[in-house]
Amino acid sequence: MRFRRTATTLCLAIAACTSAMAQSVLYVARPAIALSVSDRAAGRQPPVAFTVTMPDGKTTTATATPQMGGERSGTVHYPSDFGNAGMHVGEYTWSARIDGKEVMRGRFSYRPSKDGQLLFVPG
């Protein structure tokens, strides 16, 4: 009987410590978008230059380099792979170019949430 009380007390103490540690963890999430374009007819995937136009009209670029010897297309992530990228509320547009020719375009936006975080909204 005495062993059971000690074991129960020990388990409660560990649970209390775990709960206290979990409350002190800082969680940071950044909304991001992955951009990738592939040519299904190509034997080897080409590099793809992506340009993102931010709400203030400024542009930033990144190049997706093919993977696995060109068998798979590369991927870039906005904002981490774009040098002067910004994350602000507003509309963004992107375009993909292969050898200078635009092959695809799209849009996305960031919107504020009720708690002040930025939400990624695909376009």
PDB file of N, CA and C in Angstrom:
ATOM      1  N   MET A   1       0.813  -1.192   0.000  1.00  0.00           N
ATOM      2  CA  MET A   1       0.000   0.000   0.000  1.00  0.00           C
ATOM      3  C   MET A   1       0.858   1.259   0.000  1.00  0.00           C
ATOM      4  N   ARG A   2       1.877   1.242   0.834  1.00  0.00           N
ATOM      5  CA  ARG A   2       2.741   2.412   0.924  1.00  0.00           C
ATOM      6  C   ARG A   2       3.438   2.656  -0.410  1.00  0.00           C
ATOM      7  N   PHE A   3       3.845   1.613  -1.114  1.00  0.00           N
ATOM      8  CA  PHE A   3       4.490   1.738  -2.420  1.00  0.00           C
ATOM      9  C   PHE A   3       3.557   2.402  -3.424  1.00  0.00           C
ATOM     10  N   ARG A   4       2.295   2.016  -3.422  1.00  0.00           N
ATOM     11  CA  ARG A   4       1.339   2.589  -4.369  1.00  0.00           C
ATOM     12  C   ARG A   4       1.160   4.082  -4.145  1.00  0.00           C
ATOM     13  N   ARG A   5       1.091   4.517  -2.923  1.00  0.00           N
ATOM     14  CA  ARG A   5       0.945   5.950  -2.642  1.00  0.00           C
ATOM     15  C   ARG A   5       2.167   6.715  -3.117  1.00  0.00           C
ATOM     16  N   THR A   6       3.348   6.167  -2.902  1.00  0.00           N
ATOM     17  CA  THR A   6       4.578   6.821  -3.322  1.00  0.00           C
ATOM     18  C   THR A   6       4.631   6.910  -4.842  1.00  0.00           C
ATOM     19  N   ALA A   7       4.282   5.816  -5.520  1.00  0.00           N
ATOM     20  CA  ALA A   7       4.292   5.808  -6.979  1.00  0.00           C
ATOM     21  C   ALA A   7       3.277   6.795  -7.532  1.00  0.00           C
ATOM     22  N   THR A   8       2.085   6.856  -6.919  1.00  0.00           N
ATOM     23  CA  THR A   8       1.052   7.788  -7.368  1.00  0.00           C
ATOM     24  C   THR A   8       1.520   9.225  -7.169  1.00  0.00           C
ATOM     25  N   THR A   9       2.124   9.510  -6.023  1.00  0.00           N
ATOM     26  CA  THR A   9       2.629  10.847  -5.738  1.00  0.00           C
ATOM     27  C   THR A   9       3.720  11.240  -6.731  1.00  0.00           C
ATOM     28  N   LEU A  10       4.617  10.291  -7.035  1.00  0.00           N
ATOM     29  CA  LEU A  10       5.685  10.538  -7.993  1.00  0.00           C
ATOM     30  C   LEU A  10       5.113  10.839  -9.376  1.00  0.00           C
ATOM     31  N   CYS A  11       4.131  10.087  -9.824  1.00  0.00           N
ATOM     32  CA  CYS A  11       3.504  10.318 -11.138  1.00  0.00           C
ATOM     33  C   CYS A  11       2.844  11.695 -11.194  1.00  0.00           C
ATOM     34  N   LEU A  12       2.166  12.097 -10.116  1.00  0.00           N
ATOM     35  CA  LEU A  12       1.543  13.417 -10.088  1.00  0.00           C
ATOM     36  C   LEU A  12       2.592  14.523 -10.127  1.00  0.00           C
ATOM     37  N   ALA A  13       3.708  14.311  -9.446  1.00  0.00           N
ATOM     38  CA  ALA A  13       4.784  15.310  -9.455  1.00  0.00           C
ATOM     39  C   ALA A  13       5.380  15.449 -10.850  1.00  0.00           C
ATOM     40  N   ILE A  14       5.602  14.324 -11.537  1.00  0.00           N
ATOM     41  CA  ILE A  14       6.130  14.366 -12.906  1.00  0.00           C
ATOM     42  C   ILE A  14       5.138  15.052 -13.837  1.00  0.00           C
ATOM     43  N   ALA A  15       3.856  14.737 -13.703  1.00  0.00           N
ATOM     44  CA  ALA A  15       2.835  15.368 -14.544  1.00  0.00           C
ATOM     45  C   ALA A  15       2.796  16.869 -14.308  1.00  0.00           C
ATOM     46  N   ALA A  16       2.936  17.294 -13.060  1.00  0.00           N
ATOM     47  CA  ALA A  16       2.931  18.726 -12.753  1.00  0.00           C
ATOM     48  C   ALA A  16       4.141  19.410 -13.375  1.00  0.00           C
ATOM     49  N   CYS A  17       5.308  18.768 -13.335  1.00  0.00           N
ATOM     50  CA  CYS A  17       6.512  19.341 -13.942  1.00  0.00           C
ATOM     51  C   CYS A  17       6.363  19.437 -15.451  1.00  0.00           C
ATOM     52  N   THR A  18       5.816  18.408 -16.082  1.00  0.00           N
ATOM     53  CA  THR A  18       5.614  18.410 -17.519  1.00  0.00           C
ATOM     54  C   THR A  18       4.674  19.537 -17.923  1.00  0.00           C
ATOM     55  N   SER A  19       3.607  19.721 -17.157  1.00  0.00           N
ATOM     56  CA  SER A  19       2.656  20.782 -17.454  1.00  0.00           C
ATOM     57  C   SER A  19       3.312  22.154 -17.332  1.00  0.00           C
ATOM     58  N   ALA A  20       4.135  22.329 -16.305  1.00  0.00           N
ATOM     59  CA  ALA A  20       4.805  23.618 -16.118  1.00  0.00           C
ATOM     60  C   ALA A  20       5.792  23.887 -17.243  1.00  0.00           C
ATOM     61  N   MET A  21       6.492  22.857 -17.710  1.00  0.00           N
ATOM     62  CA  MET A  21       7.445  23.047 -18.805  1.00  0.00           C
ATOM     63  C   MET A  21       6.721  23.380 -20.094  1.00  0.00           C
ATOM     64  N   ALA A  22       5.599  22.740 -20.358  1.00  0.00           N
ATOM     65  CA  ALA A  22       4.866  22.974 -21.592  1.00  0.00           C
ATOM     66  C   ALA A  22       4.361  24.410 -21.681  1.00  0.00           C
ATOM     67  N   GLN A  23       4.065  25.014 -20.555  1.00  0.00           N
ATOM     68  CA  GLN A  23       3.559  26.378 -20.559  1.00  0.00           C
ATOM     69  C   GLN A  23       4.651  27.393 -20.875  1.00  0.00           C
ATOM     70  N   SER A  24       5.915  27.000 -20.722  1.00  0.00           N
ATOM     71  CA  SER A  24       7.000  27.940 -20.961  1.00  0.00           C
ATOM     72  C   SER A  24       7.602  27.823 -22.358  1.00  0.00           C
ATOM     73  N   VAL A  25       7.050  26.984 -23.200  1.00  0.00           N
ATOM     74  CA  VAL A  25       7.567  26.797 -24.553  1.00  0.00           C
ATOM     75  C   VAL A  25       7.030  27.900 -25.451  1.00  0.00           C
ATOM     76  N   LEU A  26       7.917  28.517 -26.204  1.00  0.00           N
ATOM     77  CA  LEU A  26       7.519  29.555 -27.150  1.00  0.00           C
ATOM     78  C   LEU A  26       7.277  28.909 -28.505  1.00  0.00           C
ATOM     79  N   TYR A  27       6.113  29.096 -29.060  1.00  0.00           N
ATOM     80  CA  TYR A  27       5.762  28.521 -30.349  1.00  0.00           C
ATOM     81  C   TYR A  27       5.644  29.652 -31.363  1.00  0.00           C
ATOM     82  N   VAL A  28       6.412  29.558 -32.437  1.00  0.00           N
ATOM     83  CA  VAL A  28       6.369  30.568 -33.483  1.00  0.00           C
ATOM     84  C   VAL A  28       6.048  29.873 -34.804  1.00  0.00           C
ATOM     85  N   ALA A  29       5.041  30.337 -35.481  1.00  0.00           N
ATOM     86  CA  ALA A  29       4.687  29.784 -36.787  1.00  0.00           C
ATOM     87  C   ALA A  29       4.653  30.928 -37.786  1.00  0.00           C
ATOM     88  N   ARG A  30       5.277  30.692 -38.928  1.00  0.00           N
ATOM     89  CA  ARG A  30       5.254  31.694 -39.990  1.00  0.00           C
ATOM     90  C   ARG A  30       4.505  31.117 -41.177  1.00  0.00           C
ATOM     91  N   PRO A  31       3.479  31.802 -41.624  1.00  0.00           N
ATOM     92  CA  PRO A  31       2.784  31.307 -42.808  1.00  0.00           C
ATOM     93  C   PRO A  31       3.701  31.414 -44.026  1.00  0.00           C
ATOM     94  N   ALA A  32       3.786  30.356 -44.791  1.00  0.00           N
ATOM     95  CA  ALA A  32       4.676  30.329 -45.948  1.00  0.00           C
ATOM     96  C   ALA A  32       3.979  29.649 -47.121  1.00  0.00           C
ATOM     97  N   ILE A  33       4.531  29.861 -48.302  1.00  0.00           N
ATOM     98  CA  ILE A  33       4.007  29.227 -49.507  1.00  0.00           C
ATOM     99  C   ILE A  33       5.167  28.558 -50.233  1.00  0.00           C
ATOM    100  N   ALA A  34       4.933  27.347 -50.714  1.00  0.00           N
ATOM    101  CA  ALA A  34       5.925  26.632 -51.518  1.00  0.00           C
ATOM    102  C   ALA A  34       5.545  26.795 -52.984  1.00  0.00           C
ATOM    103  N   LEU A  35       6.523  27.173 -53.805  1.00  0.00           N
ATOM    104  CA  LEU A  35       6.294  27.375 -55.237  1.00  0.00           C
ATOM    105  C   LEU A  35       7.152  26.394 -56.022  1.00  0.00           C
ATOM    106  N   SER A  36       6.523  25.682 -56.950  1.00  0.00           N
ATOM    107  CA  SER A  36       7.231  24.725 -57.786  1.00  0.00           C
ATOM    108  C   SER A  36       6.477  24.575 -59.101  1.00  0.00           C
ATOM    109  N   VAL A  37       7.220  24.492 -60.195  1.00  0.00           N
ATOM    110  CA  VAL A  37       6.631  24.310 -61.517  1.00  0.00           C
ATOM    111  C   VAL A  37       7.445  23.239 -62.224  1.00  0.00           C
ATOM    112  N   SER A  38       6.756  22.291 -62.864  1.00  0.00           N
ATOM    113  CA  SER A  38       7.483  21.269 -63.613  1.00  0.00           C
ATOM    114  C   SER A  38       6.907  21.146 -65.020  1.00  0.00           C
ATOM    115  N   ASP A  39       7.749  20.701 -65.927  1.00  0.00           N
ATOM    116  CA  ASP A  39       7.348  20.468 -67.314  1.00  0.00           C
ATOM    117  C   ASP A  39       7.229  18.960 -67.488  1.00  0.00           C
ATOM    118  N   ARG A  40       6.017  18.461 -67.589  1.00  0.00           N
ATOM    119  CA  ARG A  40       5.795  17.017 -67.680  1.00  0.00           C
ATOM    120  C   ARG A  40       6.400  16.401 -68.939  1.00  0.00           C
ATOM    121  N   ALA A  41       6.534  17.191 -69.972  1.00  0.00           N
ATOM    122  CA  ALA A  41       7.065  16.670 -71.234  1.00  0.00           C
ATOM    123  C   ALA A  41       8.593  16.655 -71.261  1.00  0.00           C
ATOM    124  N   ALA A  42       9.221  17.363 -70.334  1.00  0.00           N
ATOM    125  CA  ALA A  42      10.684  17.476 -70.349  1.00  0.00           C
ATOM    126  C   ALA A  42      11.337  16.255 -69.713  1.00  0.00           C
ATOM    127  N   GLY A  43      12.401  15.793 -70.321  1.00  0.00           N
ATOM    128  CA  GLY A  43      13.172  14.699 -69.741  1.00  0.00           C
ATOM    129  C   GLY A  43      13.945  15.153 -68.516  1.00  0.00           C
ATOM    130  N   ARG A  44      14.390  16.384 -68.562  1.00  0.00           N
ATOM    131  CA  ARG A  44      15.094  16.996 -67.422  1.00  0.00           C
ATOM    132  C   ARG A  44      14.405  18.304 -67.094  1.00  0.00           C
ATOM    133  N   GLN A  45      14.166  18.534 -65.821  1.00  0.00           N
ATOM    134  CA  GLN A  45      13.488  19.755 -65.394  1.00  0.00           C
ATOM    135  C   GLN A  45      14.454  20.934 -65.435  1.00  0.00           C
ATOM    136  N   PRO A  46      14.019  22.061 -65.951  1.00  0.00           N
ATOM    137  CA  PRO A  46      14.874  23.261 -65.993  1.00  0.00           C
ATOM    138  C   PRO A  46      14.787  24.046 -64.686  1.00  0.00           C
ATOM    139  N   PRO A  47      15.759  24.918 -64.450  1.00  0.00           N
ATOM    140  CA  PRO A  47      15.631  25.849 -63.323  1.00  0.00           C
ATOM    141  C   PRO A  47      14.447  26.789 -63.589  1.00  0.00           C
ATOM    142  N   VAL A  48      13.750  27.166 -62.517  1.00  0.00           N
ATOM    143  CA  VAL A  48      12.592  28.047 -62.660  1.00  0.00           C
ATOM    144  C   VAL A  48      12.823  29.274 -61.794  1.00  0.00           C
ATOM    145  N   ALA A  49      12.748  30.461 -62.419  1.00  0.00           N
ATOM    146  CA  ALA A  49      12.899  31.724 -61.699  1.00  0.00           C
ATOM    147  C   ALA A  49      11.523  32.214 -61.268  1.00  0.00           C
ATOM    148  N   PHE A  50      11.357  32.409 -59.968  1.00  0.00           N
ATOM    149  CA  PHE A  50      10.092  32.906 -59.427  1.00  0.00           C
ATOM    150  C   PHE A  50      10.261  34.361 -59.002  1.00  0.00           C
ATOM    151  N   THR A  51       9.280  35.177 -59.359  1.00  0.00           N
ATOM    152  CA  THR A  51       9.242  36.572 -58.940  1.00  0.00           C
ATOM    153  C   THR A  51       7.953  36.791 -58.165  1.00  0.00           C
ATOM    154  N   VAL A  52       8.074  37.350 -56.968  1.00  0.00           N
ATOM    155  CA  VAL A  52       6.903  37.682 -56.148  1.00  0.00           C
ATOM    156  C   VAL A  52       6.825  39.200 -56.051  1.00  0.00           C
ATOM    157  N   THR A  53       5.646  39.732 -56.353  1.00  0.00           N
ATOM    158  CA  THR A  53       5.398  41.166 -56.208  1.00  0.00           C
ATOM    159  C   THR A  53       4.604  41.363 -54.927  1.00  0.00           C
ATOM    160  N   MET A  54       5.172  42.159 -54.021  1.00  0.00           N
ATOM    161  CA  MET A  54       4.569  42.399 -52.710  1.00  0.00           C
ATOM    162  C   MET A  54       3.522  43.507 -52.799  1.00  0.00           C
ATOM    163  N   PRO A  55       2.706  43.678 -51.759  1.00  0.00           N
ATOM    164  CA  PRO A  55       1.635  44.686 -51.809  1.00  0.00           C
ATOM    165  C   PRO A  55       2.126  46.103 -52.089  1.00  0.00           C
ATOM    166  N   ASP A  56       3.358  46.426 -51.697  1.00  0.00           N
ATOM    167  CA  ASP A  56       3.877  47.777 -51.938  1.00  0.00           C
ATOM    168  C   ASP A  56       4.460  47.946 -53.339  1.00  0.00           C
ATOM    169  N   GLY A  57       4.372  46.880 -54.175  1.00  0.00           N
ATOM    170  CA  GLY A  57       4.861  46.954 -55.549  1.00  0.00           C
ATOM    171  C   GLY A  57       6.299  46.495 -55.726  1.00  0.00           C
ATOM    172  N   LYS A  58       7.026  46.292 -54.637  1.00  0.00           N
ATOM    173  CA  LYS A  58       8.408  45.805 -54.737  1.00  0.00           C
ATOM    174  C   LYS A  58       8.398  44.332 -55.125  1.00  0.00           C
ATOM    175  N   THR A  59       9.449  43.923 -55.832  1.00  0.00           N
ATOM    176  CA  THR A  59       9.553  42.531 -56.254  1.00  0.00           C
ATOM    177  C   THR A  59      10.764  41.865 -55.605  1.00  0.00           C
ATOM    178  N   THR A  60      10.679  40.566 -55.493  1.00  0.00           N
ATOM    179  CA  THR A  60      11.770  39.760 -54.975  1.00  0.00           C
ATOM    180  C   THR A  60      11.794  38.455 -55.764  1.00  0.00           C
ATOM    181  N   THR A  61      12.987  37.874 -55.944  1.00  0.00           N
ATOM    182  CA  THR A  61      13.104  36.685 -56.789  1.00  0.00           C
ATOM    183  C   THR A  61      13.868  35.568 -56.084  1.00  0.00           C
ATOM    184  N   ALA A  62      13.610  34.351 -56.540  1.00  0.00           N
ATOM    185  CA  ALA A  62      14.343  33.162 -56.103  1.00  0.00           C
ATOM    186  C   ALA A  62      14.274  32.147 -57.240  1.00  0.00           C
ATOM    187  N   THR A  63      15.293  31.306 -57.338  1.00  0.00           N
ATOM    188  CA  THR A  63      15.326  30.286 -58.393  1.00  0.00           C
ATOM    189  C   THR A  63      15.221  28.900 -57.789  1.00  0.00           C
ATOM    190  N   ALA A  64      14.297  28.109 -58.333  1.00  0.00           N
ATOM    191  CA  ALA A  64      14.126  26.717 -57.925  1.00  0.00           C
ATOM    192  C   ALA A  64      15.045  25.864 -58.795  1.00  0.00           C
ATOM    193  N   THR A  65      16.021  25.240 -58.169  1.00  0.00           N
ATOM    194  CA  THR A  65      16.986  24.403 -58.871  1.00  0.00           C
ATOM    195  C   THR A  65      16.468  22.970 -58.948  1.00  0.00           C
ATOM    196  N   PRO A  66      16.535  22.337 -60.124  1.00  0.00           N
ATOM    197  CA  PRO A  66      16.061  20.957 -60.253  1.00  0.00           C
ATOM    198  C   PRO A  66      16.779  20.020 -59.287  1.00  0.00           C
ATOM    199  N   GLN A  67      16.113  18.956 -58.906  1.00  0.00           N
ATOM    200  CA  GLN A  67      16.647  17.988 -57.953  1.00  0.00           C
ATOM    201  C   GLN A  67      16.841  16.627 -58.624  1.00  0.00           C
ATOM    202  N   MET A  68      17.616  15.785 -57.980  1.00  0.00           N
ATOM    203  CA  MET A  68      17.868  14.414 -58.451  1.00  0.00           C
ATOM    204  C   MET A  68      18.361  14.408 -59.898  1.00  0.00           C
ATOM    205  N   GLY A  69      19.337  15.232 -60.202  1.00  0.00           N
ATOM    206  CA  GLY A  69      19.901  15.271 -61.543  1.00  0.00           C
ATOM    207  C   GLY A  69      18.941  15.791 -62.595  1.00  0.00           C
ATOM    208  N   GLY A  70      17.952  16.558 -62.178  1.00  0.00           N
ATOM    209  CA  GLY A  70      16.995  17.133 -63.122  1.00  0.00           C
ATOM    210  C   GLY A  70      15.722  16.322 -63.265  1.00  0.00           C
ATOM    211  N   GLU A  71      15.623  15.197 -62.550  1.00  0.00           N
ATOM    212  CA  GLU A  71      14.416  14.371 -62.649  1.00  0.00           C
ATOM    213  C   GLU A  71      13.211  15.014 -61.972  1.00  0.00           C
ATOM    214  N   ARG A  72      13.452  15.785 -60.921  1.00  0.00           N
ATOM    215  CA  ARG A  72      12.365  16.447 -60.198  1.00  0.00           C
ATOM    216  C   ARG A  72      12.574  17.948 -60.228  1.00  0.00           C
ATOM    217  N   SER A  73      11.456  18.663 -60.268  1.00  0.00           N
ATOM    218  CA  SER A  73      11.555  20.120 -60.252  1.00  0.00           C
ATOM    219  C   SER A  73      11.916  20.582 -58.842  1.00  0.00           C
ATOM    220  N   GLY A  74      12.531  21.740 -58.771  1.00  0.00           N
ATOM    221  CA  GLY A  74      12.888  22.321 -57.483  1.00  0.00           C
ATOM    222  C   GLY A  74      11.732  23.100 -56.888  1.00  0.00           C
ATOM    223  N   THR A  75      11.882  23.455 -55.625  1.00  0.00           N
ATOM    224  CA  THR A  75      10.857  24.196 -54.900  1.00  0.00           C
ATOM    225  C   THR A  75      11.514  25.344 -54.159  1.00  0.00           C
ATOM    226  N   VAL A  76      10.853  26.486 -54.137  1.00  0.00           N
ATOM    227  CA  VAL A  76      11.276  27.612 -53.309  1.00  0.00           C
ATOM    228  C   VAL A  76      10.139  27.940 -52.350  1.00  0.00           C
ATOM    229  N   HIS A  77      10.489  28.531 -51.218  1.00  0.00           N
ATOM    230  CA  HIS A  77       9.500  28.875 -50.193  1.00  0.00           C
ATOM    231  C   HIS A  77       9.513  30.382 -49.952  1.00  0.00           C
ATOM    232  N   TYR A  78       8.317  30.959 -50.005  1.00  0.00           N
ATOM    233  CA  TYR A  78       8.185  32.384 -49.698  1.00  0.00           C
ATOM    234  C   TYR A  78       7.741  32.504 -48.249  1.00  0.00           C
ATOM    235  N   PRO A  79       8.413  33.260 -47.418  1.00  0.00           N
ATOM    236  CA  PRO A  79       9.416  34.270 -47.693  1.00  0.00           C
ATOM    237  C   PRO A  79      10.868  33.819 -47.496  1.00  0.00           C
ATOM    238  N   SER A  80      11.127  32.629 -46.949  1.00  0.00           N
ATOM    239  CA  SER A  80      12.486  32.269 -46.525  1.00  0.00           C
ATOM    240  C   SER A  80      13.517  32.206 -47.646  1.00  0.00           C
ATOM    241  N   ASP A  81      13.152  31.822 -48.857  1.00  0.00           N
ATOM    242  CA  ASP A  81      14.119  31.712 -49.959  1.00  0.00           C
ATOM    243  C   ASP A  81      14.264  33.003 -50.769  1.00  0.00           C
ATOM    244  N   PHE A  82      13.487  34.011 -50.444  1.00  0.00           N
ATOM    245  CA  PHE A  82      13.506  35.269 -51.175  1.00  0.00           C
ATOM    246  C   PHE A  82      14.214  36.308 -50.312  1.00  0.00           C
ATOM    247  N   GLY A  83      15.323  36.835 -50.824  1.00  0.00           N
ATOM    248  CA  GLY A  83      16.190  37.714 -50.050  1.00  0.00           C
ATOM    249  C   GLY A  83      15.542  38.867 -49.322  1.00  0.00           C
ATOM    250  N   ASN A  84      14.848  39.723 -50.016  1.00  0.00           N
ATOM    251  CA  ASN A  84      14.267  40.918 -49.392  1.00  0.00           C
ATOM    252  C   ASN A  84      12.760  40.770 -49.226  1.00  0.00           C
ATOM    253  N   ALA A  85      12.321  39.555 -48.935  1.00  0.00           N
ATOM    254  CA  ALA A  85      10.893  39.265 -48.839  1.00  0.00           C
ATOM    255  C   ALA A  85      10.272  39.918 -47.621  1.00  0.00           C
ATOM    256  N   GLY A  86       9.006  40.222 -47.745  1.00  0.00           N
ATOM    257  CA  GLY A  86       8.251  40.776 -46.631  1.00  0.00           C
ATOM    258  C   GLY A  86       6.978  39.989 -46.416  1.00  0.00           C
ATOM    259  N   MET A  87       6.491  40.049 -45.208  1.00  0.00           N
ATOM    260  CA  MET A  87       5.205  39.432 -44.876  1.00  0.00           C
ATOM    261  C   MET A  87       4.325  40.522 -44.292  1.00  0.00           C
ATOM    262  N   HIS A  88       3.505  41.082 -45.132  1.00  0.00           N
ATOM    263  CA  HIS A  88       2.623  42.169 -44.705  1.00  0.00           C
ATOM    264  C   HIS A  88       1.216  41.845 -45.173  1.00  0.00           C
ATOM    265  N   VAL A  89       0.254  42.423 -44.513  1.00  0.00           N
ATOM    266  CA  VAL A  89      -1.133  42.257 -44.931  1.00  0.00           C
ATOM    267  C   VAL A  89      -1.278  42.793 -46.348  1.00  0.00           C
ATOM    268  N   GLY A  90      -1.930  42.026 -47.209  1.00  0.00           N
ATOM    269  CA  GLY A  90      -2.172  42.481 -48.568  1.00  0.00           C
ATOM    270  C   GLY A  90      -2.078  41.385 -49.598  1.00  0.00           C
ATOM    271  N   GLU A  91      -2.216  41.800 -50.852  1.00  0.00           N
ATOM    272  CA  GLU A  91      -2.228  40.892 -52.007  1.00  0.00           C
ATOM    273  C   GLU A  91      -0.821  40.754 -52.584  1.00  0.00           C
ATOM    274  N   TYR A  92      -0.460  39.533 -52.924  1.00  0.00           N
ATOM    275  CA  TYR A  92       0.819  39.220 -53.549  1.00  0.00           C
ATOM    276  C   TYR A  92       0.542  38.508 -54.866  1.00  0.00           C
ATOM    277  N   THR A  93       1.393  38.744 -55.863  1.00  0.00           N
ATOM    278  CA  THR A  93       1.317  37.975 -57.110  1.00  0.00           C
ATOM    279  C   THR A  93       2.672  37.328 -57.336  1.00  0.00           C
ATOM    280  N   TRP A  94       2.664  36.206 -58.030  1.00  0.00           N
ATOM    281  CA  TRP A  94       3.920  35.542 -58.368  1.00  0.00           C
ATOM    282  C   TRP A  94       3.884  35.085 -59.814  1.00  0.00           C
ATOM    283  N   SER A  95       5.062  34.985 -60.402  1.00  0.00           N
ATOM    284  CA  SER A  95       5.164  34.446 -61.757  1.00  0.00           C
ATOM    285  C   SER A  95       6.373  33.526 -61.804  1.00  0.00           C
ATOM    286  N   ALA A  96       6.278  32.532 -62.679  1.00  0.00           N
ATOM    287  CA  ALA A  96       7.365  31.574 -62.877  1.00  0.00           C
ATOM    288  C   ALA A  96       7.860  31.707 -64.300  1.00  0.00           C
ATOM    289  N   ARG A  97       9.182  31.774 -64.448  1.00  0.00           N
ATOM    290  CA  ARG A  97       9.787  31.915 -65.782  1.00  0.00           C
ATOM    291  C   ARG A  97      10.828  30.824 -65.995  1.00  0.00           C
ATOM    292  N   ILE A  98      10.789  30.268 -67.194  1.00  0.00           N
ATOM    293  CA  ILE A  98      11.804  29.310 -67.631  1.00  0.00           C
ATOM    294  C   ILE A  98      12.457  29.907 -68.865  1.00  0.00           C
ATOM    295  N   ASP A  99      13.760  30.083 -68.799  1.00  0.00           N
ATOM    296  CA  ASP A  99      14.511  30.712 -69.891  1.00  0.00           C
ATOM    297  C   ASP A  99      13.902  32.055 -70.302  1.00  0.00           C
ATOM    298  N   GLY A 100      13.451  32.832 -69.313  1.00  0.00           N
ATOM    299  CA  GLY A 100      12.910  34.162 -69.577  1.00  0.00           C
ATOM    300  C   GLY A 100      11.461  34.199 -70.005  1.00  0.00           C
ATOM    301  N   LYS A 101      10.853  33.046 -70.262  1.00  0.00           N
ATOM    302  CA  LYS A 101       9.460  33.003 -70.713  1.00  0.00           C
ATOM    303  C   LYS A 101       8.549  32.655 -69.537  1.00  0.00           C
ATOM    304  N   GLU A 102       7.511  33.480 -69.329  1.00  0.00           N
ATOM    305  CA  GLU A 102       6.571  33.211 -68.250  1.00  0.00           C
ATOM    306  C   GLU A 102       5.761  31.956 -68.571  1.00  0.00           C
ATOM    307  N   VAL A 103       5.766  31.003 -67.627  1.00  0.00           N
ATOM    308  CA  VAL A 103       5.048  29.748 -67.838  1.00  0.00           C
ATOM    309  C   VAL A 103       3.864  29.581 -66.897  1.00  0.00           C
ATOM    310  N   MET A 104       3.837  30.356 -65.822  1.00  0.00           N
ATOM    311  CA  MET A 104       2.728  30.260 -64.881  1.00  0.00           C
ATOM    312  C   MET A 104       2.723  31.489 -63.982  1.00  0.00           C
ATOM    313  N   ARG A 105       1.546  31.804 -63.451  1.00  0.00           N
ATOM    314  CA  ARG A 105       1.408  32.912 -62.512  1.00  0.00           C
ATOM    315  C   ARG A 105       0.308  32.589 -61.522  1.00  0.00           C
ATOM    316  N   GLY A 106       0.318  33.303 -60.422  1.00  0.00           N
ATOM    317  CA  GLY A 106      -0.704  33.080 -59.402  1.00  0.00           C
ATOM    318  C   GLY A 106      -0.715  34.213 -58.398  1.00  0.00           C
ATOM    319  N   ARG A 107      -1.499  34.021 -57.349  1.00  0.00           N
ATOM    320  CA  ARG A 107      -1.602  35.051 -56.323  1.00  0.00           C
ATOM    321  C   ARG A 107      -1.882  34.411 -54.979  1.00  0.00           C
ATOM    322  N   PHE A 108      -1.564  35.147 -53.942  1.00  0.00           N
ATOM    323  CA  PHE A 108      -1.892  34.761 -52.578  1.00  0.00           C
ATOM    324  C   PHE A 108      -1.951  36.038 -51.754  1.00  0.00           C
ATOM    325  N   SER A 109      -2.401  35.935 -50.533  1.00  0.00           N
ATOM    326  CA  SER A 109      -2.462  37.114 -49.677  1.00  0.00           C
ATOM    327  C   SER A 109      -2.220  36.717 -48.230  1.00  0.00           C
ATOM    328  N   TYR A 110      -1.909  37.718 -47.440  1.00  0.00           N
ATOM    329  CA  TYR A 110      -1.830  37.561 -45.995  1.00  0.00           C
ATOM    330  C   TYR A 110      -2.931  38.423 -45.404  1.00  0.00           C
ATOM    331  N   ARG A 111      -3.669  37.871 -44.469  1.00  0.00           N
ATOM    332  CA  ARG A 111      -4.759  38.571 -43.804  1.00  0.00           C
ATOM    333  C   ARG A 111      -4.539  38.495 -42.292  1.00  0.00           C
ATOM    334  N   PRO A 112      -4.944  39.527 -41.552  1.00  0.00           N
ATOM    335  CA  PRO A 112      -4.801  39.463 -40.092  1.00  0.00           C
ATOM    336  C   PRO A 112      -5.886  38.576 -39.485  1.00  0.00           C
ATOM    337  N   SER A 113      -5.503  37.810 -38.467  1.00  0.00           N
ATOM    338  CA  SER A 113      -6.492  37.017 -37.734  1.00  0.00           C
ATOM    339  C   SER A 113      -6.988  37.828 -36.544  1.00  0.00           C
ATOM    340  N   LYS A 114      -7.978  37.315 -35.847  1.00  0.00           N
ATOM    341  CA  LYS A 114      -8.541  38.023 -34.699  1.00  0.00           C
ATOM    342  C   LYS A 114      -7.513  38.211 -33.581  1.00  0.00           C
ATOM    343  N   ASP A 115      -6.552  37.269 -33.485  1.00  0.00           N
ATOM    344  CA  ASP A 115      -5.560  37.372 -32.409  1.00  0.00           C
ATOM    345  C   ASP A 115      -4.283  38.078 -32.849  1.00  0.00           C
ATOM    346  N   GLY A 116      -4.288  38.698 -34.025  1.00  0.00           N
ATOM    347  CA  GLY A 116      -3.154  39.492 -34.466  1.00  0.00           C
ATOM    348  C   GLY A 116      -2.119  38.760 -35.292  1.00  0.00           C
ATOM    349  N   GLN A 117      -2.289  37.475 -35.541  1.00  0.00           N
ATOM    350  CA  GLN A 117      -1.371  36.710 -36.362  1.00  0.00           C
ATOM    351  C   GLN A 117      -1.687  36.950 -37.840  1.00  0.00           C
ATOM    352  N   LEU A 118      -0.715  36.642 -38.708  1.00  0.00           N
ATOM    353  CA  LEU A 118      -0.960  36.721 -40.147  1.00  0.00           C
ATOM    354  C   LEU A 118      -1.429  35.363 -40.645  1.00  0.00           C
ATOM    355  N   LEU A 119      -2.456  35.352 -41.463  1.00  0.00           N
ATOM    356  CA  LEU A 119      -2.965  34.125 -42.059  1.00  0.00           C
ATOM    357  C   LEU A 119      -2.656  34.125 -43.545  1.00  0.00           C
ATOM    358  N   PHE A 120      -2.141  33.011 -44.043  1.00  0.00           N
ATOM    359  CA  PHE A 120      -1.886  32.847 -45.463  1.00  0.00           C
ATOM    360  C   PHE A 120      -3.186  32.447 -46.143  1.00  0.00           C
ATOM    361  N   VAL A 121      -3.523  33.133 -47.217  1.00  0.00           N
ATOM    362  CA  VAL A 121      -4.748  32.841 -47.971  1.00  0.00           C
ATOM    363  C   VAL A 121      -4.356  32.603 -49.422  1.00  0.00           C
ATOM    364  N   PRO A 122      -4.499  31.349 -49.909  1.00  0.00           N
ATOM    365  CA  PRO A 122      -4.161  31.100 -51.321  1.00  0.00           C
ATOM    366  C   PRO A 122      -5.143  31.832 -52.231  1.00  0.00           C
ATOM    367  N   GLY A 123      -4.666  32.193 -53.410  1.00  0.00           N
ATOM    368  CA  GLY A 123      -5.501  32.958 -54.326  1.00  0.00           C
ATOM    369  C   GLY A 123      -5.996  32.116 -55.377  1.00  0.00           C
TER     370      GLY A 123
END
